[in-house]
Protein backbone atom coordinates (compact mmCIF):
# COMPACT_ATOMS: atom_id res chain seq x y z
CA MET A 1 78.72 116.43 134.39
CA ILE A 2 81.69 116.54 131.98
CA LYS A 3 83.06 120.38 132.38
CA ASN A 4 85.79 121.59 130.67
CA PRO A 5 89.03 121.55 132.40
CA GLU A 6 89.60 125.14 134.39
CA LYS A 7 92.89 125.18 135.32
CA LEU A 8 96.15 123.44 133.69
CA ASN A 9 96.64 121.49 136.35
CA GLU A 10 93.00 119.61 135.20
CA ILE A 11 94.89 118.54 132.10
CA ILE A 12 95.47 114.81 132.32
CA GLY A 13 98.40 113.14 131.31
CA GLN A 14 100.51 116.21 129.69
CA ASP A 15 103.05 118.50 131.27
CA THR A 16 101.47 121.81 131.20
CA LYS A 17 104.06 123.81 133.40
CA LYS A 18 105.87 124.61 130.40
CA ILE A 19 102.56 126.69 129.30
CA LEU A 20 102.78 128.37 132.11
CA ASP A 21 106.50 129.17 131.81
CA TRP A 22 105.76 130.74 128.16
CA LEU A 23 103.00 132.90 129.42
CA GLU A 24 105.25 134.60 131.77
CA ASN A 25 108.32 134.57 129.14
CA PRO A 26 107.98 138.13 127.60
CA ARG A 27 110.77 137.40 124.92
CA LYS A 28 108.20 134.53 123.51
CA LYS A 29 105.25 135.40 121.66
CA SER A 30 104.36 132.35 120.31
CA LEU A 31 103.34 128.83 121.47
CA LEU A 32 103.43 125.88 119.57
CA ILE A 33 101.67 123.02 121.08
CA HIS A 34 101.45 120.19 119.10
CA GLY A 35 100.38 116.41 119.19
CA PRO A 36 97.56 113.82 117.99
CA THR A 37 93.78 114.70 118.27
CA GLY A 38 91.98 114.65 121.59
CA VAL A 39 95.03 114.97 123.69
CA GLY A 40 94.18 118.58 125.57
CA LYS A 41 95.67 121.45 123.02
CA THR A 42 92.60 123.17 122.44
CA SER A 43 91.49 122.70 125.90
CA SER A 44 94.33 124.26 127.31
CA ALA A 45 94.44 127.00 125.99
CA TYR A 46 91.47 127.83 127.03
CA ALA A 47 92.02 126.45 130.86
CA LEU A 48 95.01 129.06 130.42
CA ALA A 49 92.81 131.68 129.86
CA LYS A 50 90.28 130.82 132.41
CA GLU A 51 93.12 130.24 134.88
CA LYS A 52 94.75 133.86 134.06
CA ASN A 53 91.78 135.56 133.45
CA LEU A 54 92.46 136.41 129.66
CA GLU A 55 90.16 137.42 127.03
CA ILE A 56 90.75 134.29 124.47
CA ILE A 57 90.41 134.77 120.69
CA GLU A 58 89.97 131.61 118.97
CA LEU A 59 90.79 131.05 114.86
CA ASN A 60 90.93 128.13 112.89
CA ALA A 61 93.59 128.28 110.60
CA SER A 62 92.19 125.40 108.04
CA ASN A 63 89.27 127.91 107.53
CA LEU A 64 91.32 130.63 106.55
CA ARG A 65 93.90 129.15 104.74
CA ASN A 66 95.50 132.07 102.26
CA LYS A 67 97.71 135.25 102.93
CA GLU A 68 94.70 137.68 102.44
CA ARG A 69 92.44 135.87 104.75
CA ILE A 70 94.97 134.91 107.51
CA LYS A 71 95.98 138.94 107.42
CA ASN A 72 92.10 140.47 107.83
CA ILE A 73 91.51 138.02 110.08
CA ILE A 74 94.17 136.81 112.74
CA GLY A 75 96.37 140.01 111.75
CA ILE A 76 93.39 142.68 112.83
CA ALA A 77 92.89 140.51 115.76
CA SER A 78 96.92 140.12 117.08
CA GLN A 79 96.52 144.37 117.11
CA GLN A 80 92.79 144.59 118.51
CA GLN A 81 92.84 145.52 121.83
CA SER A 82 90.68 143.51 124.40
CA LEU A 83 86.94 144.82 124.47
CA PHE A 84 86.81 143.88 128.08
CA GLY A 85 90.04 145.73 129.60
CA LYS A 86 91.67 142.21 130.21
CA LYS A 87 94.93 141.01 128.43
CA LYS A 88 93.97 138.93 125.16
CA LEU A 89 95.16 135.52 124.18
CA ILE A 90 94.88 134.68 120.42
CA LEU A 91 94.21 130.59 119.49
CA VAL A 92 94.91 129.47 116.11
CA ASP A 93 93.93 125.84 116.30
CA GLU A 94 95.14 123.46 113.54
CA VAL A 95 97.99 125.31 112.03
CA ASP A 96 99.06 121.94 110.02
CA GLY A 97 95.32 123.09 108.31
CA ILE A 98 97.70 125.92 106.34
CA SER A 99 99.24 123.66 103.65
CA GLY A 100 99.67 122.99 99.94
CA ARG A 101 99.84 124.76 96.65
CA HIS A 102 96.07 126.91 97.30
CA ASP A 103 97.57 128.55 100.46
CA TYR A 104 99.12 131.32 99.11
CA GLY A 105 101.91 132.63 101.43
CA GLY A 106 99.60 131.42 104.54
CA LEU A 107 102.04 130.16 106.65
CA ALA A 108 104.45 132.82 105.77
CA GLU A 109 101.69 135.61 106.85
CA LEU A 110 101.33 133.62 110.07
CA SER A 111 104.89 134.17 110.75
CA ARG A 112 105.17 138.16 109.98
CA ILE A 113 101.90 138.20 112.02
CA ILE A 114 103.86 136.30 115.52
CA ASP A 115 106.48 139.22 115.24
CA ASP A 116 104.16 141.89 115.32
CA SER A 117 101.49 140.78 117.35
CA LYS A 118 100.32 142.93 120.68
CA HIS A 119 99.32 139.88 122.54
CA LYS A 120 100.56 135.85 123.04
CA ILE A 121 99.51 133.67 120.36
CA ILE A 122 98.76 129.65 121.12
CA LEU A 123 99.23 127.61 117.86
CA THR A 124 98.07 124.01 117.93
CA ALA A 125 98.69 121.36 115.26
CA ASN A 126 98.71 117.53 115.16
CA ASP A 127 101.99 117.51 113.26
CA VAL A 128 104.39 120.05 112.24
CA SER A 129 107.68 117.82 111.08
CA ASP A 130 107.08 118.85 107.70
CA SER A 131 109.89 121.55 106.35
CA LYS A 132 107.37 123.99 105.69
CA PHE A 133 106.79 124.53 109.55
CA SER A 134 110.55 125.37 110.30
CA THR A 135 110.16 128.92 110.38
CA LEU A 136 106.97 128.64 112.31
CA ARG A 137 109.15 126.06 114.83
CA LYS A 138 111.51 128.46 115.31
CA LYS A 139 109.28 131.55 116.42
CA CYS A 140 107.37 129.31 118.79
CA GLU A 141 108.07 127.94 121.79
CA LEU A 142 107.15 124.04 121.20
CA VAL A 143 105.18 121.83 123.80
CA GLU A 144 104.55 118.38 122.42
CA PHE A 145 101.51 116.61 123.59
CA LYS A 146 101.11 112.50 123.90
CA HIS A 147 98.91 110.18 123.91
CA VAL A 148 97.02 110.19 127.45
CA ASP A 149 97.81 106.57 129.14
CA TYR A 150 94.41 104.66 129.73
CA LEU A 151 94.67 104.21 133.05
CA LYS A 152 94.75 107.99 133.58
CA ILE A 153 91.74 108.41 131.20
CA PHE A 154 90.27 105.69 133.28
CA GLU A 155 90.76 107.32 136.56
CA LEU A 156 89.41 110.54 134.83
CA LEU A 157 85.92 108.62 133.80
CA LYS A 158 85.94 107.03 137.65
CA LYS A 159 86.38 110.35 138.97
CA ILE A 160 83.57 111.83 137.40
CA CYS A 161 81.20 109.17 137.97
CA GLU A 162 81.80 109.38 141.66
CA LYS A 163 81.25 113.52 141.79
CA ASP A 164 77.93 112.98 139.71
CA LYS A 165 76.33 109.75 140.97
CA ILE A 166 76.77 107.75 137.92
CA LYS A 167 76.74 103.86 138.54
CA LEU A 168 79.30 102.41 135.60
CA ASP A 169 80.96 99.17 135.74
CA GLU A 170 84.61 100.01 136.21
CA LYS A 171 85.19 97.31 133.33
CA LYS A 172 82.95 99.32 131.32
CA LEU A 173 85.12 102.58 132.09
CA LYS A 174 88.52 100.74 131.62
CA SER A 175 87.23 99.40 128.26
CA ILE A 176 86.11 103.01 127.12
CA ALA A 177 89.96 104.27 128.01
CA ARG A 178 91.50 101.84 126.38
CA LYS A 179 89.59 101.31 122.89
CA ASN A 180 89.96 105.06 121.74
CA ASN A 181 94.12 104.54 122.22
CA GLY A 182 95.03 107.62 124.30
CA ASP A 183 92.04 109.71 122.75
CA VAL A 184 90.80 111.71 125.53
CA ARG A 185 87.96 113.91 123.71
CA ALA A 186 86.87 110.37 122.34
CA SER A 187 86.93 108.99 125.73
CA LEU A 188 84.25 111.69 127.02
CA LEU A 189 82.44 111.38 124.18
CA ASP A 190 82.07 107.76 124.45
CA PHE A 191 81.06 107.88 127.96
CA ALA A 192 78.51 110.62 127.24
CA ALA A 193 76.94 108.09 125.07
CA SER A 194 77.24 105.39 127.44
CA ILE A 195 75.53 106.99 129.99
CA VAL A 196 72.40 107.89 127.71
CA ASP A 197 72.09 104.83 126.25
CA GLU A 198 72.18 102.79 129.71
CA LYS A 199 69.97 105.44 131.53
CA ILE A 200 72.26 105.21 134.64
CA VAL A 201 71.91 108.55 135.96
CA VAL A 202 70.93 108.21 139.63
């Protein structure tokens, strides 16, 4: 059974210690994890919340886009206390989806929210190298995630097979790991599809 990481050290192929260090640093409210798709950015936020018993609120920036929606949704979430008496972590996914002429000040509003937030905020993005993200980069602790070496992905798939008594040839596992170019999520999806196709669960 494929399960989501529950601790940061279960995120493969990335340096997650910086994320723990950021959480304990009162001077930086926001963290920006950037890198290619499927390498553990969002999973890291959820693993952190699970490990540290935080209430996590996930919002997708690319679905909000303009200033008013960001203010009314992310802004309000950044001020509200947890319903469960826990510390709260706000996850804003895909901030690089806020771009272009039709976003009407969305990035500026997000920067303002970071300044005023009562809670820690994690932002994720594929690429924030564009100059329009310069203010956001300055406000955030930056952590770069990279493509994961295929052998690390292979070891993960192998471990799942051993734990769940799944019989799948190691060549097949390596093929799945190699073909997805460092994308862990895509490899896990292909792995799950292979199990279903070949009906090989013991």
